[in-house]
Amino acid sequence: MYVIIMGCGRLGAELATKLEEDGHEVSILDIDKLAFDHLPPSFSGKKILGDGTDQNTLRRAEADRADAFIAATRGDNRNALAAQVARHVFQIRRVGSVIFDPIREEVYHGLGLRTINPTKIEAQLLRELIEKEDGAE
């Protein structure tokens, strides 16, 4: 599977590394060339300097042949816009987006975007962590 990831912060870099380890072809985009330092030296996928909301950048990433697109920046609006461009302009079937604001995530999810809300997930995991009895693993 060919996957494009927008955002090479800790999340995007970790996801790119794991997908490549699983045998997928991966391209990762970021507007900051220093962000690619989050990738391990062993990463052999394409690193593309550019904005994933820009159609020309997505063409350079060969979005027309991508099987999946993930928007994983810290910007909810950029992630939602890039996901929409990937889905509707480039007809990428599998599109996922990180949306940090829980209310905004519900709205985008309701509009048909596949979303993940780290805020809700982390809150749930932390709640479970402190509610465990001492010594329970």
C-alpha atoms as a PDB file:
ATOM      1  CA  MET A   1       0.000   0.000   0.000  1.00  0.00           C
ATOM      2  CA  TYR A   2       1.258   3.516  -0.814  1.00  0.00           C
ATOM      3  CA  VAL A   3       0.621   5.950   2.070  1.00  0.00           C
ATOM      4  CA  ILE A   4       1.145   9.710   2.213  1.00  0.00           C
ATOM      5  CA  ILE A   5       1.458  11.337   5.645  1.00  0.00           C
ATOM      6  CA  MET A   6       1.167  15.083   6.129  1.00  0.00           C
ATOM      7  CA  GLY A   7       3.122  16.189   9.178  1.00  0.00           C
ATOM      8  CA  CYS A   8       6.502  14.884  10.277  1.00  0.00           C
ATOM      9  CA  GLY A   9       6.278  15.670  13.963  1.00  0.00           C
ATOM     10  CA  ARG A  10       6.572  12.908  16.522  1.00  0.00           C
ATOM     11  CA  LEU A  11       3.258  11.331  15.516  1.00  0.00           C
ATOM     12  CA  GLY A  12       3.793  11.460  11.758  1.00  0.00           C
ATOM     13  CA  ALA A  13       7.377  10.217  12.020  1.00  0.00           C
ATOM     14  CA  GLU A  14       6.386   7.325  14.294  1.00  0.00           C
ATOM     15  CA  LEU A  15       3.527   6.345  11.989  1.00  0.00           C
ATOM     16  CA  ALA A  16       5.738   6.569   8.889  1.00  0.00           C
ATOM     17  CA  THR A  17       8.371   4.374  10.543  1.00  0.00           C
ATOM     18  CA  LYS A  18       5.836   1.750  11.626  1.00  0.00           C
ATOM     19  CA  LEU A  19       4.131   1.645   8.230  1.00  0.00           C
ATOM     20  CA  GLU A  20       7.475   1.267   6.475  1.00  0.00           C
ATOM     21  CA  GLU A  21       8.429  -1.542   8.890  1.00  0.00           C
ATOM     22  CA  ASP A  22       5.154  -3.244   7.895  1.00  0.00           C
ATOM     23  CA  GLY A  23       6.279  -3.166   4.272  1.00  0.00           C
ATOM     24  CA  HIS A  24       4.291  -0.184   3.010  1.00  0.00           C
ATOM     25  CA  GLU A  25       5.650   2.501   0.697  1.00  0.00           C
ATOM     26  CA  VAL A  26       5.546   5.822   2.550  1.00  0.00           C
ATOM     27  CA  SER A  27       5.951   9.476   1.620  1.00  0.00           C
ATOM     28  CA  ILE A  28       5.905  12.115   4.333  1.00  0.00           C
ATOM     29  CA  LEU A  29       5.293  15.834   3.866  1.00  0.00           C
ATOM     30  CA  ASP A  30       6.142  18.774   6.057  1.00  0.00           C
ATOM     31  CA  ILE A  31       6.546  22.525   5.641  1.00  0.00           C
ATOM     32  CA  ASP A  32       9.631  22.534   7.904  1.00  0.00           C
ATOM     33  CA  LYS A  33      12.707  20.673   6.650  1.00  0.00           C
ATOM     34  CA  LEU A  34      13.944  20.254  10.234  1.00  0.00           C
ATOM     35  CA  ALA A  35      10.852  18.148  11.008  1.00  0.00           C
ATOM     36  CA  PHE A  36      12.374  15.301   9.004  1.00  0.00           C
ATOM     37  CA  ASP A  37      14.942  14.970  11.819  1.00  0.00           C
ATOM     38  CA  HIS A  38      12.189  13.090  13.723  1.00  0.00           C
ATOM     39  CA  LEU A  39      12.622  10.198  11.287  1.00  0.00           C
ATOM     40  CA  PRO A  40      15.183   7.495  12.029  1.00  0.00           C
ATOM     41  CA  PRO A  41      18.217   7.259   9.719  1.00  0.00           C
ATOM     42  CA  SER A  42      16.838   3.943   8.455  1.00  0.00           C
ATOM     43  CA  PHE A  43      13.727   5.609   6.932  1.00  0.00           C
ATOM     44  CA  SER A  44      13.876   5.094   3.173  1.00  0.00           C
ATOM     45  CA  GLY A  45      10.587   6.675   2.117  1.00  0.00           C
ATOM     46  CA  LYS A  46      10.211   9.985   0.312  1.00  0.00           C
ATOM     47  CA  LYS A  47      10.543  13.197   2.321  1.00  0.00           C
ATOM     48  CA  ILE A  48       8.724  16.039   0.601  1.00  0.00           C
ATOM     49  CA  LEU A  49       9.071  19.652   1.683  1.00  0.00           C
ATOM     50  CA  GLY A  50       5.724  21.308   1.149  1.00  0.00           C
ATOM     51  CA  ASP A  51       2.180  21.878   2.349  1.00  0.00           C
ATOM     52  CA  GLY A  52      -0.207  18.933   2.164  1.00  0.00           C
ATOM     53  CA  THR A  53      -3.139  21.263   1.578  1.00  0.00           C
ATOM     54  CA  ASP A  54      -1.500  22.360  -1.697  1.00  0.00           C
ATOM     55  CA  GLN A  55      -2.477  20.342  -4.766  1.00  0.00           C
ATOM     56  CA  ASN A  56       0.936  20.813  -6.408  1.00  0.00           C
ATOM     57  CA  THR A  57       2.673  19.391  -3.341  1.00  0.00           C
ATOM     58  CA  LEU A  58       0.293  16.436  -3.378  1.00  0.00           C
ATOM     59  CA  ARG A  59       1.032  15.902  -7.088  1.00  0.00           C
ATOM     60  CA  ARG A  60       4.776  15.810  -6.276  1.00  0.00           C
ATOM     61  CA  ALA A  61       3.911  13.184  -3.643  1.00  0.00           C
ATOM     62  CA  GLU A  62       2.074  11.223  -6.363  1.00  0.00           C
ATOM     63  CA  ALA A  63      -1.265  11.463  -4.587  1.00  0.00           C
ATOM     64  CA  ASP A  64      -2.951  10.230  -7.752  1.00  0.00           C
ATOM     65  CA  ARG A  65      -1.620   6.733  -6.992  1.00  0.00           C
ATOM     66  CA  ALA A  66      -1.888   6.814  -3.185  1.00  0.00           C
ATOM     67  CA  ASP A  67      -3.919   4.164  -1.400  1.00  0.00           C
ATOM     68  CA  ALA A  68      -4.114   6.144   1.849  1.00  0.00           C
ATOM     69  CA  PHE A  69      -3.551   9.649   3.197  1.00  0.00           C
ATOM     70  CA  ILE A  70      -3.098  10.701   6.827  1.00  0.00           C
ATOM     71  CA  ALA A  71      -3.229  14.311   8.020  1.00  0.00           C
ATOM     72  CA  ALA A  72      -1.194  14.403  11.238  1.00  0.00           C
ATOM     73  CA  THR A  73      -0.167  18.003  11.888  1.00  0.00           C
ATOM     74  CA  ARG A  74      -0.983  20.013  15.033  1.00  0.00           C
ATOM     75  CA  GLY A  75      -3.484  22.115  13.076  1.00  0.00           C
ATOM     76  CA  ASP A  76      -7.063  20.842  13.071  1.00  0.00           C
ATOM     77  CA  ASN A  77      -8.177  23.049  10.191  1.00  0.00           C
ATOM     78  CA  ARG A  78      -5.148  22.164   8.036  1.00  0.00           C
ATOM     79  CA  ASN A  79      -5.715  18.488   8.732  1.00  0.00           C
ATOM     80  CA  ALA A  80      -9.383  18.678   7.795  1.00  0.00           C
ATOM     81  CA  LEU A  81      -8.664  20.671   4.629  1.00  0.00           C
ATOM     82  CA  ALA A  82      -5.872  18.337   3.513  1.00  0.00           C
ATOM     83  CA  ALA A  83      -8.073  15.303   4.163  1.00  0.00           C
ATOM     84  CA  GLN A  84     -10.839  16.803   2.033  1.00  0.00           C
ATOM     85  CA  VAL A  85      -8.406  17.598  -0.810  1.00  0.00           C
ATOM     86  CA  ALA A  86      -6.966  14.078  -0.672  1.00  0.00           C
ATOM     87  CA  ARG A  87     -10.423  12.493  -0.701  1.00  0.00           C
ATOM     88  CA  HIS A  88     -12.266  14.689  -3.174  1.00  0.00           C
ATOM     89  CA  VAL A  89      -9.576  15.995  -5.534  1.00  0.00           C
ATOM     90  CA  PHE A  90      -7.275  12.964  -5.646  1.00  0.00           C
ATOM     91  CA  GLN A  91      -9.941  10.336  -4.937  1.00  0.00           C
ATOM     92  CA  ILE A  92      -7.858   8.642  -2.214  1.00  0.00           C
ATOM     93  CA  ARG A  93     -10.183   6.090  -0.616  1.00  0.00           C
ATOM     94  CA  ARG A  94      -8.549   5.732   2.789  1.00  0.00           C
ATOM     95  CA  VAL A  95      -8.132   9.135   4.416  1.00  0.00           C
ATOM     96  CA  GLY A  96      -7.622   9.766   8.118  1.00  0.00           C
ATOM     97  CA  SER A  97      -7.187  12.974  10.063  1.00  0.00           C
ATOM     98  CA  VAL A  98      -6.053  13.910  13.545  1.00  0.00           C
ATOM     99  CA  ILE A  99      -8.362  16.508  15.111  1.00  0.00           C
ATOM    100  CA  PHE A 100      -7.349  17.667  18.595  1.00  0.00           C
ATOM    101  CA  ASP A 101     -10.399  19.751  19.526  1.00  0.00           C
ATOM    102  CA  PRO A 102     -13.121  17.316  20.702  1.00  0.00           C
ATOM    103  CA  ILE A 103     -15.998  19.524  19.537  1.00  0.00           C
ATOM    104  CA  ARG A 104     -14.423  20.189  16.154  1.00  0.00           C
ATOM    105  CA  GLU A 105     -13.668  16.473  15.799  1.00  0.00           C
ATOM    106  CA  GLU A 106     -17.340  15.616  16.283  1.00  0.00           C
ATOM    107  CA  VAL A 107     -18.323  18.135  13.601  1.00  0.00           C
ATOM    108  CA  TYR A 108     -15.740  16.876  11.089  1.00  0.00           C
ATOM    109  CA  HIS A 109     -16.605  13.268  11.856  1.00  0.00           C
ATOM    110  CA  GLY A 110     -20.259  14.106  11.302  1.00  0.00           C
ATOM    111  CA  LEU A 111     -19.334  15.504   7.882  1.00  0.00           C
ATOM    112  CA  GLY A 112     -17.887  12.142   6.917  1.00  0.00           C
ATOM    113  CA  LEU A 113     -14.197  12.550   7.741  1.00  0.00           C
ATOM    114  CA  ARG A 114     -12.424   9.631   9.384  1.00  0.00           C
ATOM    115  CA  THR A 115     -11.016  11.261  12.481  1.00  0.00           C
ATOM    116  CA  ILE A 116      -9.001  10.436  15.558  1.00  0.00           C
ATOM    117  CA  ASN A 117      -9.152  12.695  18.595  1.00  0.00           C
ATOM    118  CA  PRO A 118      -5.998  12.270  20.716  1.00  0.00           C
ATOM    119  CA  THR A 119      -7.444  14.467  23.457  1.00  0.00           C
ATOM    120  CA  LYS A 120     -10.341  12.060  24.097  1.00  0.00           C
ATOM    121  CA  ILE A 121      -8.149   8.971  23.749  1.00  0.00           C
ATOM    122  CA  GLU A 122      -5.476  10.266  26.122  1.00  0.00           C
ATOM    123  CA  ALA A 123      -8.057  11.420  28.663  1.00  0.00           C
ATOM    124  CA  GLN A 124      -9.661   7.971  28.651  1.00  0.00           C
ATOM    125  CA  LEU A 125      -6.307   6.204  29.022  1.00  0.00           C
ATOM    126  CA  LEU A 126      -5.245   8.487  31.866  1.00  0.00           C
ATOM    127  CA  ARG A 127      -8.586   7.996  33.608  1.00  0.00           C
ATOM    128  CA  GLU A 128      -8.157   4.222  33.362  1.00  0.00           C
ATOM    129  CA  LEU A 129      -4.587   4.534  34.623  1.00  0.00           C
ATOM    130  CA  ILE A 130      -5.529   6.316  37.850  1.00  0.00           C
ATOM    131  CA  GLU A 131      -8.656   4.248  38.469  1.00  0.00           C
ATOM    132  CA  LYS A 132      -6.686   0.984  38.534  1.00  0.00           C
ATOM    133  CA  GLU A 133      -6.002  -0.521  41.917  1.00  0.00           C
ATOM    134  CA  ASP A 134      -2.394  -0.247  43.052  1.00  0.00           C
ATOM    135  CA  GLY A 135      -0.373  -3.116  41.673  1.00  0.00           C
ATOM    136  CA  ALA A 136      -2.883  -3.839  38.911  1.00  0.00           C
ATOM    137  CA  GLU A 137      -1.264  -3.939  35.513  1.00  0.00           C
END
